[in-house]
Amino acid sequence: ILAMESDVRDDIEAGRLVSVLDDWTPALPPLSLYYPSRRNPTAAFKAFIDFVRRQGGPTSGG
């Protein structure tokens, strides 16, 4: 299968799946989110940003 590593990482670590063709797998850039800073984001949008930051690891910006 072709899957997001984060979705199958536990299975790979447990040995239920094996990663193959690693040399052919492109490294993807980190998720970027651009939005106008001069507007007040909605509560739902703020919650989404907080969720992505918690899931995605290190981030820049504030």
C-alpha atoms as a PDB file:
ATOM      1  CA  ILE A   1       0.000   0.000   0.000  1.00  0.00           C
ATOM      2  CA  LEU A   2       0.926   3.638  -0.235  1.00  0.00           C
ATOM      3  CA  ALA A   3       0.034   5.239   3.067  1.00  0.00           C
ATOM      4  CA  MET A   4       0.995   8.155   5.244  1.00  0.00           C
ATOM      5  CA  GLU A   5       3.815   7.045   7.523  1.00  0.00           C
ATOM      6  CA  SER A   6       2.065   8.522  10.544  1.00  0.00           C
ATOM      7  CA  ASP A   7      -0.933   6.268   9.856  1.00  0.00           C
ATOM      8  CA  VAL A   8       1.106   3.042   9.788  1.00  0.00           C
ATOM      9  CA  ARG A   9       4.102   3.870  12.005  1.00  0.00           C
ATOM     10  CA  ASP A  10       2.845   1.680  14.880  1.00  0.00           C
ATOM     11  CA  ASP A  11       2.376  -1.276  12.518  1.00  0.00           C
ATOM     12  CA  ILE A  12       5.875  -0.844  11.074  1.00  0.00           C
ATOM     13  CA  GLU A  13       7.418  -0.619  14.543  1.00  0.00           C
ATOM     14  CA  ALA A  14       5.489  -3.728  15.631  1.00  0.00           C
ATOM     15  CA  GLY A  15       6.663  -5.659  12.559  1.00  0.00           C
ATOM     16  CA  ARG A  16       3.168  -6.119  11.096  1.00  0.00           C
ATOM     17  CA  LEU A  17       4.174  -4.050   8.060  1.00  0.00           C
ATOM     18  CA  VAL A  18       7.511  -3.676   6.315  1.00  0.00           C
ATOM     19  CA  SER A  19       8.585  -0.545   4.502  1.00  0.00           C
ATOM     20  CA  VAL A  20       9.861  -1.228   0.983  1.00  0.00           C
ATOM     21  CA  LEU A  21      11.165   0.957  -1.833  1.00  0.00           C
ATOM     22  CA  ASP A  22      12.417   3.554   0.657  1.00  0.00           C
ATOM     23  CA  ASP A  23      14.873   4.863  -1.950  1.00  0.00           C
ATOM     24  CA  TRP A  24      11.913   5.664  -4.203  1.00  0.00           C
ATOM     25  CA  THR A  25       9.806   7.364  -1.555  1.00  0.00           C
ATOM     26  CA  PRO A  26      10.070  11.143  -1.770  1.00  0.00           C
ATOM     27  CA  ALA A  27      10.520  13.145   1.406  1.00  0.00           C
ATOM     28  CA  LEU A  28       7.521  15.407   1.761  1.00  0.00           C
ATOM     29  CA  PRO A  29       7.860  18.939   3.053  1.00  0.00           C
ATOM     30  CA  PRO A  30       6.179  19.713   6.358  1.00  0.00           C
ATOM     31  CA  LEU A  31       2.610  20.936   6.326  1.00  0.00           C
ATOM     32  CA  SER A  32       2.327  24.663   5.762  1.00  0.00           C
ATOM     33  CA  LEU A  33      -0.738  26.735   6.429  1.00  0.00           C
ATOM     34  CA  TYR A  34      -1.048  30.279   5.160  1.00  0.00           C
ATOM     35  CA  TYR A  35      -3.805  32.581   6.313  1.00  0.00           C
ATOM     36  CA  PRO A  36      -4.243  36.340   6.681  1.00  0.00           C
ATOM     37  CA  SER A  37      -2.970  37.458  10.075  1.00  0.00           C
ATOM     38  CA  ARG A  38      -4.975  40.671  10.052  1.00  0.00           C
ATOM     39  CA  ARG A  39      -8.280  38.814  10.302  1.00  0.00           C
ATOM     40  CA  ASN A  40      -9.612  37.290  13.480  1.00  0.00           C
ATOM     41  CA  PRO A  41      -9.769  33.519  12.951  1.00  0.00           C
ATOM     42  CA  THR A  42     -12.874  31.659  14.032  1.00  0.00           C
ATOM     43  CA  ALA A  43     -12.821  29.426  17.095  1.00  0.00           C
ATOM     44  CA  ALA A  44     -13.047  26.365  14.846  1.00  0.00           C
ATOM     45  CA  PHE A  45     -10.058  27.509  12.797  1.00  0.00           C
ATOM     46  CA  LYS A  46      -8.031  28.174  15.964  1.00  0.00           C
ATOM     47  CA  ALA A  47      -8.917  24.681  17.199  1.00  0.00           C
ATOM     48  CA  PHE A  48      -7.776  23.192  13.879  1.00  0.00           C
ATOM     49  CA  ILE A  49      -4.443  25.024  14.052  1.00  0.00           C
ATOM     50  CA  ASP A  50      -3.905  23.861  17.643  1.00  0.00           C
ATOM     51  CA  PHE A  51      -4.706  20.264  16.638  1.00  0.00           C
ATOM     52  CA  VAL A  52      -2.309  20.318  13.681  1.00  0.00           C
ATOM     53  CA  ARG A  53       0.459  21.784  15.819  1.00  0.00           C
ATOM     54  CA  ARG A  54       0.003  19.055  18.436  1.00  0.00           C
ATOM     55  CA  GLN A  55       0.031  16.303  15.787  1.00  0.00           C
ATOM     56  CA  GLY A  56       2.771  17.692  13.600  1.00  0.00           C
ATOM     57  CA  GLY A  57       5.607  18.280  15.998  1.00  0.00           C
ATOM     58  CA  PRO A  58       7.827  21.355  15.822  1.00  0.00           C
ATOM     59  CA  THR A  59       6.429  24.442  14.163  1.00  0.00           C
ATOM     60  CA  SER A  60       7.494  27.974  13.538  1.00  0.00           C
ATOM     61  CA  GLY A  61       5.373  31.027  13.856  1.00  0.00           C
ATOM     62  CA  GLY A  62       2.882  31.848  16.516  1.00  0.00           C
END
